[in-house]
PDB file of N, CA and C in Angstrom:
ATOM      1  N   UNK A   1     -37.459  40.291  47.310  1.00  0.00           N
ATOM      2  CA  UNK A   1     -36.081  40.299  46.844  1.00  0.00           C
ATOM      3  C   UNK A   1     -35.429  39.327  46.128  1.00  0.00           C
ATOM      4  N   UNK A   2     -34.808  39.931  45.105  1.00  0.00           N
ATOM      5  CA  UNK A   2     -34.078  38.693  44.027  1.00  0.00           C
ATOM      6  C   UNK A   2     -32.671  38.396  44.621  1.00  0.00           C
ATOM      7  N   UNK A   3     -32.563  37.110  44.478  1.00  0.00           N
ATOM      8  CA  UNK A   3     -30.909  37.087  44.706  1.00  0.00           C
ATOM      9  C   UNK A   3     -29.983  37.124  43.777  1.00  0.00           C
ATOM     10  N   UNK A   4     -28.984  37.540  43.820  1.00  0.00           N
ATOM     11  CA  UNK A   4     -28.123  37.447  42.846  1.00  0.00           C
ATOM     12  C   UNK A   4     -27.178  36.252  43.065  1.00  0.00           C
ATOM     13  N   UNK A   5     -26.384  35.297  42.065  1.00  0.00           N
ATOM     14  CA  UNK A   5     -25.557  34.400  42.537  1.00  0.00           C
ATOM     15  C   UNK A   5     -24.315  35.024  42.106  1.00  0.00           C
ATOM     16  N   UNK A   6     -23.448  34.776  42.608  1.00  0.00           N
ATOM     17  CA  UNK A   6     -21.774  35.027  42.163  1.00  0.00           C
ATOM     18  C   UNK A   6     -21.332  33.786  41.525  1.00  0.00           C
ATOM     19  N   UNK A   7     -20.908  33.258  40.497  1.00  0.00           N
ATOM     20  CA  UNK A   7     -20.400  32.094  40.176  1.00  0.00           C
ATOM     21  C   UNK A   7     -19.203  32.199  39.341  1.00  0.00           C
ATOM     22  N   UNK A   8     -18.207  31.016  39.232  1.00  0.00           N
ATOM     23  CA  UNK A   8     -17.250  30.998  38.293  1.00  0.00           C
ATOM     24  C   UNK A   8     -17.133  29.832  37.533  1.00  0.00           C
ATOM     25  N   UNK A   9     -16.759  29.760  36.655  1.00  0.00           N
ATOM     26  CA  UNK A   9     -16.825  28.625  35.461  1.00  0.00           C
ATOM     27  C   UNK A   9     -15.294  28.638  34.802  1.00  0.00           C
ATOM     28  N   UNK A  10     -14.568  27.619  34.563  1.00  0.00           N
ATOM     29  CA  UNK A  10     -13.361  27.230  33.962  1.00  0.00           C
ATOM     30  C   UNK A  10     -13.461  27.213  32.592  1.00  0.00           C
ATOM     31  N   UNK A  11     -13.179  27.986  31.651  1.00  0.00           N
ATOM     32  CA  UNK A  11     -13.262  27.609  30.483  1.00  0.00           C
ATOM     33  C   UNK A  11     -11.596  27.712  29.684  1.00  0.00           C
ATOM     34  N   UNK A  12     -11.569  26.472  28.955  1.00  0.00           N
ATOM     35  CA  UNK A  12      -9.608  26.087  28.553  1.00  0.00           C
ATOM     36  C   UNK A  12      -9.242  26.605  29.582  1.00  0.00           C
ATOM     37  N   UNK A  13      -9.086  26.192  30.828  1.00  0.00           N
ATOM     38  CA  UNK A  13      -8.314  26.526  31.995  1.00  0.00           C
ATOM     39  C   UNK A  13      -8.505  27.868  32.601  1.00  0.00           C
ATOM     40  N   UNK A  14      -9.272  29.000  32.406  1.00  0.00           N
ATOM     41  CA  UNK A  14      -9.456  30.270  32.509  1.00  0.00           C
ATOM     42  C   UNK A  14     -10.411  30.117  33.427  1.00  0.00           C
ATOM     43  N   UNK A  15     -10.176  30.744  34.746  1.00  0.00           N
ATOM     44  CA  UNK A  15     -11.820  31.009  35.796  1.00  0.00           C
ATOM     45  C   UNK A  15     -12.261  32.395  35.241  1.00  0.00           C
ATOM     46  N   UNK A  16     -13.630  32.003  34.582  1.00  0.00           N
ATOM     47  CA  UNK A  16     -14.375  33.070  34.663  1.00  0.00           C
ATOM     48  C   UNK A  16     -15.776  33.327  35.255  1.00  0.00           C
ATOM     49  N   UNK A  17     -15.684  34.799  36.044  1.00  0.00           N
ATOM     50  CA  UNK A  17     -16.600  35.457  37.109  1.00  0.00           C
ATOM     51  C   UNK A  17     -17.647  35.641  36.172  1.00  0.00           C
ATOM     52  N   UNK A  18     -18.949  34.950  37.034  1.00  0.00           N
ATOM     53  CA  UNK A  18     -20.514  35.786  36.186  1.00  0.00           C
ATOM     54  C   UNK A  18     -21.212  35.807  37.404  1.00  0.00           C
ATOM     55  N   UNK A  19     -22.411  36.741  37.150  1.00  0.00           N
ATOM     56  CA  UNK A  19     -23.513  36.763  37.871  1.00  0.00           C
ATOM     57  C   UNK A  19     -24.598  36.087  36.988  1.00  0.00           C
ATOM     58  N   UNK A  20     -25.645  35.924  38.361  1.00  0.00           N
ATOM     59  CA  UNK A  20     -26.887  35.282  37.402  1.00  0.00           C
ATOM     60  C   UNK A  20     -28.104  35.641  38.685  1.00  0.00           C
ATOM     61  N   UNK A  21     -29.541  35.799  38.388  1.00  0.00           N
ATOM     62  CA  UNK A  21     -30.510  35.856  38.575  1.00  0.00           C
ATOM     63  C   UNK A  21     -31.607  35.686  37.958  1.00  0.00           C
ATOM     64  N   UNK A  22     -32.954  35.068  38.944  1.00  0.00           N
ATOM     65  CA  UNK A  22     -33.978  34.962  37.871  1.00  0.00           C
ATOM     66  C   UNK A  22     -34.335  33.196  38.472  1.00  0.00           C
ATOM     67  N   UNK A  23     -35.250  32.890  37.880  1.00  0.00           N
ATOM     68  CA  UNK A  23     -35.598  31.478  37.960  1.00  0.00           C
ATOM     69  C   UNK A  23     -34.936  30.470  36.749  1.00  0.00           C
ATOM     70  N   UNK A  24     -34.848  29.550  37.875  1.00  0.00           N
ATOM     71  CA  UNK A  24     -33.947  28.419  36.348  1.00  0.00           C
ATOM     72  C   UNK A  24     -35.094  28.003  35.417  1.00  0.00           C
ATOM     73  N   UNK A  25     -34.360  27.791  34.123  1.00  0.00           N
ATOM     74  CA  UNK A  25     -35.672  27.689  33.084  1.00  0.00           C
ATOM     75  C   UNK A  25     -36.006  28.741  32.194  1.00  0.00           C
ATOM     76  N   UNK A  26     -35.955  30.024  33.116  1.00  0.00           N
ATOM     77  CA  UNK A  26     -36.199  31.405  32.597  1.00  0.00           C
ATOM     78  C   UNK A  26     -35.484  31.531  31.113  1.00  0.00           C
ATOM     79  N   UNK A  27     -36.042  32.232  30.138  1.00  0.00           N
ATOM     80  CA  UNK A  27     -35.066  32.982  29.236  1.00  0.00           C
ATOM     81  C   UNK A  27     -34.006  33.800  29.320  1.00  0.00           C
ATOM     82  N   UNK A  28     -32.508  33.477  29.136  1.00  0.00           N
ATOM     83  CA  UNK A  28     -31.384  33.922  29.539  1.00  0.00           C
ATOM     84  C   UNK A  28     -31.246  35.449  28.640  1.00  0.00           C
ATOM     85  N   UNK A  29     -30.769  36.556  29.536  1.00  0.00           N
ATOM     86  CA  UNK A  29     -30.608  37.716  28.904  1.00  0.00           C
ATOM     87  C   UNK A  29     -29.133  38.159  29.257  1.00  0.00           C
ATOM     88  N   UNK A  30     -28.048  38.071  28.288  1.00  0.00           N
ATOM     89  CA  UNK A  30     -26.662  38.239  28.436  1.00  0.00           C
ATOM     90  C   UNK A  30     -26.563  39.589  28.364  1.00  0.00           C
ATOM     91  N   UNK A  31     -26.266  40.406  29.401  1.00  0.00           N
ATOM     92  CA  UNK A  31     -25.253  41.874  29.852  1.00  0.00           C
ATOM     93  C   UNK A  31     -23.634  41.817  29.485  1.00  0.00           C
ATOM     94  N   UNK A  32     -23.300  42.440  28.019  1.00  0.00           N
ATOM     95  CA  UNK A  32     -22.108  42.062  28.237  1.00  0.00           C
ATOM     96  C   UNK A  32     -21.558  43.509  28.508  1.00  0.00           C
ATOM     97  N   UNK A  33     -20.064  43.626  28.907  1.00  0.00           N
ATOM     98  CA  UNK A  33     -19.594  45.007  28.982  1.00  0.00           C
ATOM     99  C   UNK A  33     -18.068  44.657  28.425  1.00  0.00           C
ATOM    100  N   UNK A  34     -17.357  45.625  28.508  1.00  0.00           N
ATOM    101  CA  UNK A  34     -15.897  45.856  27.760  1.00  0.00           C
ATOM    102  C   UNK A  34     -15.204  46.466  28.982  1.00  0.00           C
ATOM    103  N   UNK A  35     -13.771  46.202  28.451  1.00  0.00           N
ATOM    104  CA  UNK A  35     -12.851  46.243  29.172  1.00  0.00           C
ATOM    105  C   UNK A  35     -12.515  47.881  29.423  1.00  0.00           C
ATOM    106  N   UNK A  36     -12.249  48.492  30.407  1.00  0.00           N
ATOM    107  CA  UNK A  36     -11.945  47.735  32.122  1.00  0.00           C
ATOM    108  C   UNK A  36     -13.057  47.972  32.626  1.00  0.00           C
ATOM    109  N   UNK A  37     -14.276  48.110  32.405  1.00  0.00           N
ATOM    110  CA  UNK A  37     -15.435  47.975  33.357  1.00  0.00           C
ATOM    111  C   UNK A  37     -15.494  46.341  33.594  1.00  0.00           C
ATOM    112  N   UNK A  38     -16.800  46.140  34.444  1.00  0.00           N
ATOM    113  CA  UNK A  38     -17.015  44.719  34.842  1.00  0.00           C
ATOM    114  C   UNK A  38     -18.441  44.617  35.177  1.00  0.00           C
ATOM    115  N   UNK A  39     -19.088  43.557  35.431  1.00  0.00           N
ATOM    116  CA  UNK A  39     -20.141  43.183  35.903  1.00  0.00           C
ATOM    117  C   UNK A  39     -20.888  43.894  37.002  1.00  0.00           C
ATOM    118  N   UNK A  40     -19.839  44.403  37.846  1.00  0.00           N
ATOM    119  CA  UNK A  40     -20.185  45.443  38.900  1.00  0.00           C
ATOM    120  C   UNK A  40     -21.046  46.994  38.253  1.00  0.00           C
ATOM    121  N   UNK A  41     -20.858  46.913  37.283  1.00  0.00           N
ATOM    122  CA  UNK A  41     -21.634  48.284  36.727  1.00  0.00           C
ATOM    123  C   UNK A  41     -23.114  47.681  36.685  1.00  0.00           C
ATOM    124  N   UNK A  42     -23.578  46.398  36.565  1.00  0.00           N
ATOM    125  CA  UNK A  42     -24.949  45.946  36.651  1.00  0.00           C
ATOM    126  C   UNK A  42     -25.559  45.566  37.846  1.00  0.00           C
ATOM    127  N   UNK A  43     -24.957  46.055  38.726  1.00  0.00           N
ATOM    128  CA  UNK A  43     -25.429  45.260  39.998  1.00  0.00           C
ATOM    129  C   UNK A  43     -26.984  45.567  40.505  1.00  0.00           C
ATOM    130  N   UNK A  44     -27.024  46.605  39.950  1.00  0.00           N
ATOM    131  CA  UNK A  44     -28.922  47.038  40.146  1.00  0.00           C
ATOM    132  C   UNK A  44     -29.610  46.852  39.061  1.00  0.00           C
ATOM    133  N   UNK A  45     -29.413  46.679  37.920  1.00  0.00           N
ATOM    134  CA  UNK A  45     -30.011  46.194  36.916  1.00  0.00           C
ATOM    135  C   UNK A  45     -29.873  44.851  36.566  1.00  0.00           C
ATOM    136  N   UNK A  46     -29.587  43.790  37.476  1.00  0.00           N
ATOM    137  CA  UNK A  46     -29.415  41.992  37.363  1.00  0.00           C
ATOM    138  C   UNK A  46     -31.167  42.095  38.392  1.00  0.00           C
ATOM    139  N   UNK A  47     -30.850  42.617  39.254  1.00  0.00           N
ATOM    140  CA  UNK A  47     -32.119  42.051  40.146  1.00  0.00           C
ATOM    141  C   UNK A  47     -33.455  42.765  39.583  1.00  0.00           C
ATOM    142  N   UNK A  48     -33.259  44.197  38.684  1.00  0.00           N
ATOM    143  CA  UNK A  48     -34.360  44.691  38.367  1.00  0.00           C
ATOM    144  C   UNK A  48     -34.735  43.825  37.300  1.00  0.00           C
ATOM    145  N   UNK A  49     -34.109  43.237  36.600  1.00  0.00           N
ATOM    146  CA  UNK A  49     -34.389  42.262  35.305  1.00  0.00           C
ATOM    147  C   UNK A  49     -35.013  40.815  35.554  1.00  0.00           C
ATOM    148  N   UNK A  50     -34.610  40.609  36.783  1.00  0.00           N
ATOM    149  CA  UNK A  50     -34.272  38.972  36.921  1.00  0.00           C
ATOM    150  C   UNK A  50     -36.078  38.490  37.443  1.00  0.00           C
ATOM    151  N   UNK A  51     -37.080  39.592  37.681  1.00  0.00           N
ATOM    152  CA  UNK A  51     -38.595  38.847  37.507  1.00  0.00           C
ATOM    153  C   UNK A  51     -39.181  39.081  36.799  1.00  0.00           C
ATOM    154  N   UNK A  52     -38.494  39.282  35.399  1.00  0.00           N
ATOM    155  CA  UNK A  52     -39.195  39.399  34.013  1.00  0.00           C
ATOM    156  C   UNK A  52     -39.304  38.332  33.224  1.00  0.00           C
TER     157      UNK A  52
END
């Protein structure tokens, strides 16, 4: 089972939430969403891609 981490980062004083999974140093795959959706819509896709 893949662990999905929920994290935040401060960008110019704004807290941005993001999810990440997979081994450190692996290639990054960025899943973009638009307003009014959220990363929640990728909750099943992120673990499926994390071991690739």
